[in-house]
Amino acid sequence: MPELLTLDQAEALTTDQVHDLYRKYVSRSQVSLIGSFGFGRDLVDHAEGAWIHLRDGRRVLDFTGGVGVLSHGHNHPRILAARRRFQERRRMEVHKNYFSPYVAALGHNLAALLPGDLNISYFPNSGAEAVEGAVKLAYKYHQGRRGTVLHTDIAFHGKLLGAGSLTASPEIHFPYPQIPGTDTFAYDDLGSFLLALDRHTTSAGECDVYAVVLEPFSASSLRECSPEFLREVRRVCTERDIVLVFDEVYTGWGKTGALFHFMHHPGLVPDIVTTSKSFGGGKASISGYIAREPVFRAAYDNLADATLHSTTYYGFGEETATALEAVAIAVEDDFPGRARALEERLSQGLARVAARHPKLVRQVTGRGALHGVFLTPGPQLPDALREKLPTSAARDPQAVSKLLTGAVIAALYRDHGILTFFGSNRLIALIVSPPLVAETDEVDLFVNALDEVLDQGPARLLAGLVKEKVTA
């Protein structure tokens, strides 16, 4: 019988042992990449709210917000209690032959919270699955008679083959096969959008576009569509019977100061909206799409097609129960209002930092609790650092931006115990994405730390990163 590691043994592994097991059974490259930063050499003991507690007793302020997952923070007590209750009462997880009260209640609550007739919900596990489900629904709505889906030139919709075909981020740099019939238009550019439509409209006026998929706020590039653009896209999609899909996987549940970002614009309603990340309260892997009732019923609401789109873990009991509580917290604790309060403190603080470092900070931008700091590329790469890079990375025109931003991330963690990350979509940004349970004094702590880090200047920052990599 093979020797298996137990849960107790897993929790007792040292950093070196974890790295060794990753190299053997997960990914050597992940160890090289993440291990070159301080956080790649630390192990977590526990986490609560906006704070991560390390095994060595240090605590770290988590300003990544779990890359959108942790709006509720780590281990929210109400989320833990809901999951404990589910387990202690031995509720049933999932069964194809029984209806789920959790799915029924969650669907009701989403319909009550979202505008218009966004009434029909479907609950898979990941954001990419929600996007693919939405696109499939749009295709079925047109009964396969149209063959084109449009997306933006900075889109990020996931890394599955289907969702990846709609993603236009350099993060997917390998030429995977694409689903047929995709085309792009420039983000927030009405002229480009109309030209894309014209490319797929015959001289007789027959349109081949079955769906338009876009992010009202692009979390990977920190850009947002203007109200005028969104409303005109909505009008044109209605006029040409095109299914309009808003991807709010990251921005849902209050992140930018409205329950969903598109709700900043009263009266604007997509045909389908997707959600995930903080939808599961930081504990459940759950996503969803919510469709306008006429669109869904035309596509699937008949006996032959009732289960045409399904997944193994659709409506998983503990996941939907967790999402019920996560949504309740977001509403009752006014997550949109908390995001707006964080925005006021963040925008003021980041503006002061930018004013103090005009040669280093090119731009700060964002909404709610999702901001970006764009740094100005400074010196050439130090030879010691360039020699440690793969050839492709050393030739990357954005190499200095990436490494300078990485140096800031490393210094924030090393010198101030603050965890951040960077976004890479055409331009490189230090992403500032605190959980919505963060307090204003924690925002001040981050802003002051960033100010001190930038005081070092680009040369010292890059030298510090060289030291990190050399000793990794």
Protein backbone atom coordinates (compact mmCIF):
# COMPACT_ATOMS: atom_id res chain seq x y z
CA MET A 1 0.00 0.00 0.00
CA PRO A 2 1.48 3.44 -0.92
CA GLU A 3 2.50 5.78 1.86
CA LEU A 4 0.04 8.67 1.82
CA LEU A 5 0.48 12.00 3.57
CA THR A 6 -2.22 12.68 6.15
CA LEU A 7 -3.90 16.00 6.84
CA ASP A 8 -1.81 16.40 10.01
CA GLN A 9 1.39 15.70 8.07
CA ALA A 10 0.40 18.16 5.32
CA GLU A 11 -0.15 20.91 7.87
CA ALA A 12 3.26 20.19 9.43
CA LEU A 13 5.27 20.42 6.19
CA THR A 14 8.10 22.96 6.17
CA THR A 15 8.57 25.53 3.42
CA ASP A 16 11.40 23.50 1.89
CA GLN A 17 9.26 20.37 1.92
CA VAL A 18 6.35 22.18 0.27
CA HIS A 19 8.67 23.57 -2.41
CA ASP A 20 10.11 20.11 -3.03
CA LEU A 21 6.66 18.53 -3.38
CA TYR A 22 5.56 21.35 -5.73
CA ARG A 23 8.63 20.78 -7.90
CA LYS A 24 7.92 17.06 -8.09
CA TYR A 25 4.12 16.98 -8.37
CA VAL A 26 2.76 20.44 -9.24
CA SER A 27 5.05 22.84 -11.11
CA ARG A 28 8.76 23.60 -10.86
CA SER A 29 8.18 26.91 -12.63
CA GLN A 30 5.66 28.05 -10.02
CA VAL A 31 8.31 27.55 -7.34
CA SER A 32 10.82 29.58 -9.37
CA LEU A 33 8.31 32.36 -10.04
CA ILE A 34 6.54 32.75 -6.69
CA GLY A 35 9.53 31.62 -4.63
CA SER A 36 11.51 34.65 -5.81
CA PHE A 37 9.24 36.89 -3.72
CA GLY A 38 9.23 36.90 0.07
CA PHE A 39 5.69 35.52 0.28
CA GLY A 40 6.80 32.52 -1.75
CA ARG A 41 9.02 31.49 1.16
CA ASP A 42 6.42 31.91 3.90
CA LEU A 43 3.66 29.56 5.03
CA VAL A 44 0.33 30.72 6.45
CA ASP A 45 -0.98 29.61 9.83
CA HIS A 46 -4.42 31.24 9.66
CA ALA A 47 -6.21 34.28 8.26
CA GLU A 48 -9.02 36.56 9.40
CA GLY A 49 -10.59 39.66 7.88
CA ALA A 50 -7.94 41.62 5.98
CA TRP A 51 -5.03 39.92 7.77
CA ILE A 52 -2.93 36.81 7.11
CA HIS A 53 -1.07 35.31 10.10
CA LEU A 54 2.17 33.49 9.23
CA ARG A 55 3.62 30.49 11.02
CA ASP A 56 6.49 32.57 12.38
CA GLY A 57 4.06 34.91 14.15
CA ARG A 58 4.17 37.80 11.68
CA ARG A 59 0.95 39.14 10.26
CA VAL A 60 0.43 40.46 6.75
CA LEU A 61 -2.15 42.97 5.50
CA ASP A 62 -3.82 41.38 2.48
CA PHE A 63 -4.54 44.09 -0.09
CA THR A 64 -5.03 41.61 -2.93
CA GLY A 65 -8.58 40.90 -1.84
CA GLY A 66 -7.90 37.37 -3.01
CA VAL A 67 -7.79 38.78 -6.58
CA GLY A 68 -11.50 39.55 -6.26
CA VAL A 69 -12.51 36.50 -4.21
CA LEU A 70 -12.24 37.95 -0.70
CA SER A 71 -14.59 40.94 -0.56
CA HIS A 72 -15.86 39.37 2.69
CA GLY A 73 -12.28 39.00 3.93
CA HIS A 74 -10.72 35.79 5.19
CA ASN A 75 -12.99 33.47 7.20
CA HIS A 76 -15.94 35.79 7.72
CA PRO A 77 -17.70 34.53 10.87
CA ARG A 78 -21.14 34.43 9.27
CA ILE A 79 -19.79 32.46 6.29
CA LEU A 80 -18.11 29.95 8.63
CA ALA A 81 -21.31 29.64 10.67
CA ALA A 82 -23.44 28.98 7.56
CA ARG A 83 -21.11 26.21 6.39
CA ARG A 84 -20.90 24.72 9.89
CA ARG A 85 -24.69 24.66 10.10
CA PHE A 86 -24.93 22.89 6.75
CA GLN A 87 -22.41 20.25 7.83
CA GLU A 88 -23.76 19.69 11.32
CA ARG A 89 -27.29 19.16 10.00
CA ARG A 90 -25.97 16.72 7.40
CA ARG A 91 -27.68 18.49 4.55
CA MET A 92 -27.51 16.83 1.15
CA GLU A 93 -24.95 18.23 -1.24
CA VAL A 94 -26.36 17.55 -4.69
CA HIS A 95 -28.64 15.01 -6.37
CA LYS A 96 -30.10 15.15 -9.85
CA ASN A 97 -33.42 13.70 -8.66
CA TYR A 98 -34.19 16.19 -5.90
CA PHE A 99 -34.82 19.90 -6.08
CA SER A 100 -32.53 22.10 -3.97
CA PRO A 101 -34.09 24.67 -1.61
CA TYR A 102 -30.77 26.55 -1.72
CA VAL A 103 -30.82 26.91 -5.51
CA ALA A 104 -34.46 28.01 -5.34
CA ALA A 105 -33.79 30.62 -2.65
CA LEU A 106 -30.58 31.89 -4.27
CA GLY A 107 -32.32 32.29 -7.63
CA HIS A 108 -35.12 34.24 -5.93
CA ASN A 109 -32.71 36.54 -4.14
CA LEU A 110 -30.73 37.36 -7.29
CA ALA A 111 -33.92 38.15 -9.18
CA ALA A 112 -34.99 40.43 -6.32
CA LEU A 113 -31.67 42.30 -6.29
CA LEU A 114 -31.04 42.70 -10.03
CA PRO A 115 -32.94 45.16 -12.22
CA GLY A 116 -35.44 44.45 -14.96
CA ASP A 117 -36.28 40.85 -15.80
CA LEU A 118 -32.88 39.36 -14.94
CA ASN A 119 -34.74 36.52 -13.27
CA ILE A 120 -33.27 33.14 -14.29
CA SER A 121 -30.04 31.88 -12.72
CA TYR A 122 -27.63 29.01 -13.29
CA PHE A 123 -24.86 28.12 -10.83
CA PRO A 124 -21.67 26.34 -12.01
CA ASN A 125 -18.29 26.63 -10.25
CA SER A 126 -15.94 29.12 -11.95
CA GLY A 127 -16.15 32.45 -13.73
CA ALA A 128 -15.00 30.94 -17.01
CA GLU A 129 -17.79 28.35 -16.77
CA ALA A 130 -20.33 31.12 -16.21
CA VAL A 131 -19.07 32.99 -19.28
CA GLU A 132 -19.16 29.86 -21.42
CA GLY A 133 -22.66 29.07 -20.18
CA ALA A 134 -23.79 32.58 -21.08
CA VAL A 135 -22.31 32.35 -24.58
CA LYS A 136 -23.90 28.93 -25.12
CA LEU A 137 -27.25 30.35 -24.00
CA ALA A 138 -26.91 33.21 -26.50
CA TYR A 139 -26.05 30.80 -29.31
CA LYS A 140 -29.01 28.56 -28.44
CA TYR A 141 -31.31 31.59 -28.22
CA HIS A 142 -30.63 32.11 -31.94
CA GLN A 143 -30.99 28.35 -32.59
CA GLY A 144 -27.57 28.24 -34.23
CA ARG A 145 -28.63 30.53 -37.05
CA ARG A 146 -25.96 33.12 -36.17
CA GLY A 147 -22.28 32.35 -35.85
CA THR A 148 -20.35 35.35 -34.45
CA VAL A 149 -19.60 36.55 -30.92
CA LEU A 150 -17.88 39.90 -30.35
CA HIS A 151 -15.57 40.82 -27.49
CA THR A 152 -13.24 43.70 -26.67
CA ASP A 153 -9.54 44.01 -27.42
CA ILE A 154 -8.60 44.00 -23.69
CA ALA A 155 -11.10 41.36 -22.61
CA PHE A 156 -10.39 38.89 -19.83
CA HIS A 157 -13.11 36.23 -19.57
CA GLY A 158 -11.17 33.15 -18.45
CA LYS A 159 -8.67 30.54 -19.55
CA LEU A 160 -10.82 27.63 -20.77
CA LEU A 161 -10.77 27.13 -24.54
CA GLY A 162 -14.13 28.84 -25.00
CA ALA A 163 -13.68 31.69 -22.52
CA GLY A 164 -10.04 31.96 -23.59
CA SER A 165 -11.19 32.51 -27.18
CA LEU A 166 -12.94 35.64 -25.92
CA THR A 167 -9.95 36.79 -23.86
CA ALA A 168 -7.61 39.34 -25.44
CA SER A 169 -5.06 39.67 -22.66
CA PRO A 170 -1.31 39.01 -23.11
CA GLU A 171 -1.68 36.70 -20.11
CA ILE A 172 -2.79 34.07 -22.63
CA HIS A 173 0.24 34.17 -24.92
CA PHE A 174 0.13 30.63 -26.34
CA PRO A 175 -1.90 30.12 -29.57
CA TYR A 176 -4.53 27.69 -28.29
CA PRO A 177 -7.29 26.72 -30.75
CA GLN A 178 -10.19 29.15 -30.81
CA ILE A 179 -13.91 28.56 -30.94
CA PRO A 180 -15.20 29.62 -34.38
CA GLY A 181 -16.73 32.98 -35.10
CA THR A 182 -15.01 35.40 -32.69
CA ASP A 183 -14.14 39.00 -33.50
CA THR A 184 -12.94 42.02 -31.53
CA PHE A 185 -13.63 45.71 -31.16
CA ALA A 186 -11.78 48.40 -29.22
CA TYR A 187 -12.82 48.79 -25.60
CA ASP A 188 -15.17 51.73 -24.98
CA ASP A 189 -15.01 52.72 -28.66
CA LEU A 190 -18.43 52.98 -30.28
CA GLY A 191 -17.05 53.46 -33.78
CA SER A 192 -14.97 50.30 -33.50
CA PHE A 193 -17.98 48.38 -32.17
CA LEU A 194 -20.19 49.49 -35.06
CA LEU A 195 -17.47 48.58 -37.58
CA ALA A 196 -17.25 45.10 -36.04
CA LEU A 197 -21.01 44.72 -36.41
CA ASP A 198 -20.83 45.88 -40.03
CA ARG A 199 -18.22 43.19 -40.76
CA HIS A 200 -20.81 40.60 -39.83
CA THR A 201 -23.90 42.16 -41.39
CA THR A 202 -24.92 41.46 -44.99
CA SER A 203 -25.91 44.10 -47.52
CA ALA A 204 -29.48 42.97 -46.94
CA GLY A 205 -29.13 43.86 -43.26
CA GLU A 206 -28.92 40.31 -41.89
CA CYS A 207 -26.75 40.24 -38.76
CA ASP A 208 -24.64 37.17 -37.91
CA VAL A 209 -23.72 38.30 -34.37
CA TYR A 210 -25.44 36.27 -31.66
CA ALA A 211 -23.66 37.77 -28.61
CA VAL A 212 -21.58 40.71 -27.43
CA VAL A 213 -19.51 39.96 -24.32
CA LEU A 214 -17.83 42.79 -22.43
CA GLU A 215 -16.74 43.97 -19.02
CA PRO A 216 -18.35 47.29 -18.03
CA PHE A 217 -15.28 47.70 -15.80
CA SER A 218 -12.10 45.89 -16.86
CA ALA A 219 -10.43 44.70 -13.66
CA SER A 220 -7.27 43.62 -15.50
CA SER A 221 -6.67 47.02 -17.10
CA LEU A 222 -8.46 49.34 -14.64
CA ARG A 223 -10.58 50.88 -17.41
CA GLU A 224 -14.32 51.36 -17.52
CA CYS A 225 -16.81 51.90 -20.30
CA SER A 226 -18.53 55.27 -20.49
CA PRO A 227 -22.28 55.40 -19.80
CA GLU A 228 -22.83 56.67 -23.34
CA PHE A 229 -20.99 53.70 -24.84
CA LEU A 230 -22.84 51.14 -22.72
CA ARG A 231 -26.25 52.63 -23.43
CA GLU A 232 -25.62 52.78 -27.17
CA VAL A 233 -24.35 49.20 -27.23
CA ARG A 234 -27.52 48.19 -25.37
CA ARG A 235 -29.70 50.07 -27.88
CA VAL A 236 -27.98 48.51 -30.90
CA CYS A 237 -28.09 45.01 -29.41
CA THR A 238 -31.81 45.39 -28.76
CA GLU A 239 -32.39 46.70 -32.27
CA ARG A 240 -30.51 43.77 -33.88
CA ASP A 241 -31.65 41.09 -31.41
CA ILE A 242 -28.09 40.45 -30.15
CA VAL A 243 -27.65 38.96 -26.67
CA LEU A 244 -25.66 41.41 -24.55
CA VAL A 245 -23.52 39.73 -21.85
CA PHE A 246 -21.87 41.74 -19.07
CA ASP A 247 -18.98 39.94 -17.38
CA GLU A 248 -18.96 41.03 -13.72
CA VAL A 249 -17.03 38.07 -12.35
CA TYR A 250 -14.62 40.40 -10.53
CA THR A 251 -16.74 43.54 -10.09
CA GLY A 252 -19.92 41.97 -8.73
CA TRP A 253 -21.14 42.32 -5.14
CA GLY A 254 -20.16 45.89 -4.48
CA LYS A 255 -16.51 46.01 -5.55
CA THR A 256 -16.75 49.26 -7.55
CA GLY A 257 -19.38 51.00 -5.42
CA ALA A 258 -22.58 49.51 -6.89
CA LEU A 259 -23.94 46.02 -6.32
CA PHE A 260 -22.86 45.27 -9.91
CA HIS A 261 -20.87 47.82 -11.87
CA PHE A 262 -23.52 48.22 -14.59
CA MET A 263 -25.97 49.31 -11.86
CA HIS A 264 -24.10 52.63 -11.66
CA HIS A 265 -26.23 53.39 -14.75
CA PRO A 266 -29.96 53.28 -13.93
CA GLY A 267 -32.12 51.67 -16.59
CA LEU A 268 -29.23 49.82 -18.22
CA VAL A 269 -29.92 46.07 -18.20
CA PRO A 270 -27.88 43.40 -20.03
CA ASP A 271 -29.46 40.19 -21.31
CA ILE A 272 -27.10 38.12 -19.18
CA VAL A 273 -24.72 39.02 -16.34
CA THR A 274 -22.03 36.67 -15.01
CA THR A 275 -20.67 36.55 -11.47
CA SER A 276 -18.20 34.53 -9.40
CA LYS A 277 -15.24 35.28 -7.11
CA SER A 278 -16.74 36.95 -3.98
CA PHE A 279 -20.13 35.37 -4.77
CA GLY A 280 -18.89 32.43 -2.66
CA GLY A 281 -17.91 34.53 0.35
CA GLY A 282 -14.26 33.53 0.07
CA LYS A 283 -15.06 29.90 0.93
CA ALA A 284 -17.18 28.41 -1.87
CA SER A 285 -16.23 27.76 -5.47
CA ILE A 286 -19.40 28.98 -7.13
CA SER A 287 -20.30 31.19 -10.07
CA GLY A 288 -23.47 32.09 -11.86
CA TYR A 289 -25.10 33.64 -14.84
CA ILE A 290 -28.37 35.48 -14.50
CA ALA A 291 -30.40 35.85 -17.70
CA ARG A 292 -33.37 37.91 -18.74
CA GLU A 293 -36.39 35.68 -18.59
CA PRO A 294 -37.42 35.89 -22.29
CA VAL A 295 -33.89 35.03 -23.44
CA PHE A 296 -33.59 31.99 -21.20
CA ARG A 297 -37.09 30.69 -21.91
CA ALA A 298 -36.63 30.97 -25.66
CA ALA A 299 -33.40 28.98 -25.44
CA TYR A 300 -33.95 26.24 -22.87
CA ASP A 301 -37.46 26.29 -21.43
CA ASN A 302 -38.81 23.16 -23.10
CA LEU A 303 -38.69 19.49 -22.14
CA ALA A 304 -36.21 18.54 -24.87
CA ASP A 305 -33.66 21.20 -23.85
CA ALA A 306 -34.22 21.45 -20.10
CA THR A 307 -30.90 19.72 -19.33
CA LEU A 308 -29.05 20.60 -22.52
CA HIS A 309 -26.57 22.66 -20.48
CA SER A 310 -25.53 21.21 -17.12
CA THR A 311 -22.47 20.44 -15.01
CA THR A 312 -21.68 17.81 -12.36
CA TYR A 313 -21.57 20.26 -9.47
CA TYR A 314 -24.39 22.59 -10.52
CA GLY A 315 -26.17 23.79 -7.39
CA PHE A 316 -23.80 21.99 -5.00
CA GLY A 317 -25.53 22.28 -1.62
CA GLU A 318 -22.84 23.77 0.60
CA GLU A 319 -21.76 26.13 -2.17
CA THR A 320 -25.24 27.56 -2.78
CA ALA A 321 -25.92 27.77 0.96
CA THR A 322 -22.66 29.71 1.33
CA ALA A 323 -23.58 32.03 -1.55
CA LEU A 324 -26.96 32.72 0.08
CA GLU A 325 -25.16 33.98 3.18
CA ALA A 326 -22.48 35.83 1.18
CA VAL A 327 -25.15 37.75 -0.75
CA ALA A 328 -27.01 38.54 2.46
CA ILE A 329 -23.84 39.97 4.03
CA ALA A 330 -23.08 42.06 0.94
CA VAL A 331 -26.56 43.58 1.11
CA GLU A 332 -26.99 43.94 4.87
CA ASP A 333 -23.48 45.31 5.45
CA ASP A 334 -23.81 47.61 2.41
CA PHE A 335 -20.76 46.44 0.50
CA PRO A 336 -21.32 49.07 -2.23
CA GLY A 337 -21.27 51.79 0.43
CA ARG A 338 -18.16 50.31 2.03
CA ALA A 339 -16.48 50.31 -1.40
CA ARG A 340 -17.34 53.97 -1.90
CA ALA A 341 -15.89 54.84 1.51
CA LEU A 342 -12.71 52.92 0.69
CA GLU A 343 -12.57 54.69 -2.69
CA GLU A 344 -12.67 58.11 -1.05
CA ARG A 345 -9.78 57.25 1.27
CA LEU A 346 -7.80 55.38 -1.41
CA SER A 347 -8.16 57.96 -4.15
CA GLN A 348 -7.10 60.79 -1.84
CA GLY A 349 -4.14 58.82 -0.50
CA LEU A 350 -2.96 57.59 -3.89
CA ALA A 351 -3.26 61.11 -5.32
CA ARG A 352 -0.93 62.35 -2.57
CA VAL A 353 1.53 59.54 -3.34
CA ALA A 354 1.43 60.36 -7.06
CA ALA A 355 2.04 64.05 -6.34
CA ARG A 356 5.05 63.20 -4.18
CA HIS A 357 6.55 60.88 -6.81
CA PRO A 358 5.77 62.48 -10.19
CA LYS A 359 8.75 60.86 -11.92
CA LEU A 360 7.82 57.38 -10.74
CA VAL A 361 4.01 57.34 -10.72
CA ARG A 362 2.51 57.84 -14.16
CA GLN A 363 -1.16 57.43 -13.26
CA VAL A 364 -3.52 56.24 -10.55
CA THR A 365 -7.05 55.20 -11.44
CA GLY A 366 -9.93 53.05 -10.24
CA ARG A 367 -13.41 52.81 -8.76
CA GLY A 368 -14.58 51.66 -5.36
CA ALA A 369 -12.13 49.21 -3.79
CA LEU A 370 -10.36 48.43 -7.06
CA HIS A 371 -7.53 50.77 -8.04
CA GLY A 372 -4.33 50.65 -10.03
CA VAL A 373 -0.99 52.45 -9.74
CA PHE A 374 0.89 52.68 -13.05
CA LEU A 375 4.62 53.28 -12.66
CA THR A 376 6.91 54.99 -15.15
CA PRO A 377 9.64 52.66 -16.44
CA GLY A 378 12.93 54.01 -15.21
CA PRO A 379 16.42 52.62 -15.64
CA GLN A 380 17.55 49.72 -17.76
CA LEU A 381 17.57 46.31 -16.10
CA PRO A 382 20.57 45.64 -13.88
CA ASP A 383 22.80 43.02 -15.51
CA ALA A 384 22.54 40.77 -12.46
CA LEU A 385 18.77 40.69 -12.87
CA ARG A 386 18.74 40.41 -16.66
CA GLU A 387 21.01 37.36 -16.49
CA LYS A 388 18.50 35.55 -14.27
CA LEU A 389 15.60 36.12 -16.69
CA PRO A 390 14.57 33.76 -19.49
CA THR A 391 15.50 35.15 -22.91
CA SER A 392 11.87 35.86 -23.80
CA ALA A 393 11.36 37.86 -20.59
CA ALA A 394 14.58 39.84 -21.05
CA ARG A 395 13.38 40.86 -24.52
CA ASP A 396 9.90 41.78 -23.33
CA PRO A 397 9.36 45.53 -23.99
CA GLN A 398 7.39 45.67 -20.73
CA ALA A 399 10.13 43.91 -18.77
CA VAL A 400 11.19 47.03 -16.87
CA SER A 401 7.58 47.92 -15.99
CA LYS A 402 6.89 44.40 -14.79
CA LEU A 403 10.07 44.18 -12.76
CA LEU A 404 9.73 47.66 -11.28
CA THR A 405 6.17 46.89 -10.22
CA GLY A 406 7.34 43.51 -8.94
CA ALA A 407 10.08 45.29 -6.97
CA VAL A 408 7.46 47.50 -5.32
CA ILE A 409 5.36 44.42 -4.47
CA ALA A 410 8.43 42.73 -2.99
CA ALA A 411 9.37 45.80 -0.93
CA LEU A 412 5.84 46.29 0.38
CA TYR A 413 5.85 42.70 1.58
CA ARG A 414 9.43 42.56 2.84
CA ASP A 415 9.56 45.92 4.60
CA HIS A 416 5.94 46.58 5.58
CA GLY A 417 4.12 43.24 5.67
CA ILE A 418 1.62 44.19 2.95
CA LEU A 419 0.58 41.77 0.22
CA THR A 420 -0.28 43.16 -3.25
CA PHE A 421 -0.16 41.94 -6.85
CA PHE A 422 0.12 43.35 -10.36
CA GLY A 423 -2.21 43.23 -13.32
CA SER A 424 -0.92 42.69 -16.84
CA ASN A 425 -3.15 43.75 -19.71
CA ARG A 426 -1.22 45.86 -22.25
CA LEU A 427 -0.07 48.09 -19.37
CA ILE A 428 1.29 46.95 -16.01
CA ALA A 429 -0.39 48.17 -12.83
CA LEU A 430 0.11 47.63 -9.15
CA ILE A 431 -3.41 46.48 -8.23
CA VAL A 432 -4.88 47.86 -5.02
CA SER A 433 -7.87 45.66 -4.19
CA PRO A 434 -8.60 45.53 -0.45
CA PRO A 435 -11.41 43.34 0.86
CA LEU A 436 -14.59 45.28 1.52
CA VAL A 437 -14.27 44.52 5.23
CA ALA A 438 -11.05 46.58 5.38
CA GLU A 439 -11.09 49.69 7.55
CA THR A 440 -9.90 53.18 6.65
CA ASP A 441 -6.91 52.94 9.01
CA GLU A 442 -5.76 49.88 7.05
CA VAL A 443 -6.02 51.93 3.86
CA ASP A 444 -3.86 54.59 5.52
CA LEU A 445 -1.35 51.91 6.52
CA PHE A 446 -1.09 50.78 2.89
CA VAL A 447 -0.82 54.31 1.46
CA ASN A 448 1.92 55.31 3.92
CA ALA A 449 3.83 52.10 3.20
CA LEU A 450 3.60 52.66 -0.57
CA ASP A 451 4.87 56.20 -0.11
CA GLU A 452 7.89 54.96 1.86
CA VAL A 453 8.63 52.23 -0.68
CA LEU A 454 8.56 54.66 -3.60
CA ASP A 455 10.93 56.95 -1.67
CA GLN A 456 13.62 54.34 -2.40
CA GLY A 457 13.55 55.21 -6.10
CA PRO A 458 13.65 52.78 -9.03
CA ALA A 459 17.36 51.91 -8.84
CA ARG A 460 17.22 50.81 -5.19
CA LEU A 461 13.92 49.00 -5.73
CA LEU A 462 15.32 46.99 -8.63
CA ALA A 463 18.49 46.28 -6.66
CA GLY A 464 16.31 44.95 -3.84
CA LEU A 465 14.55 42.65 -6.29
CA VAL A 466 17.93 41.42 -7.56
CA LYS A 467 18.86 40.57 -3.98
CA GLU A 468 15.54 38.74 -3.49
CA LYS A 469 16.12 36.67 -6.64
CA VAL A 470 19.77 35.95 -5.92
CA THR A 471 18.95 34.66 -2.44
CA ALA A 472 15.79 32.78 -3.55
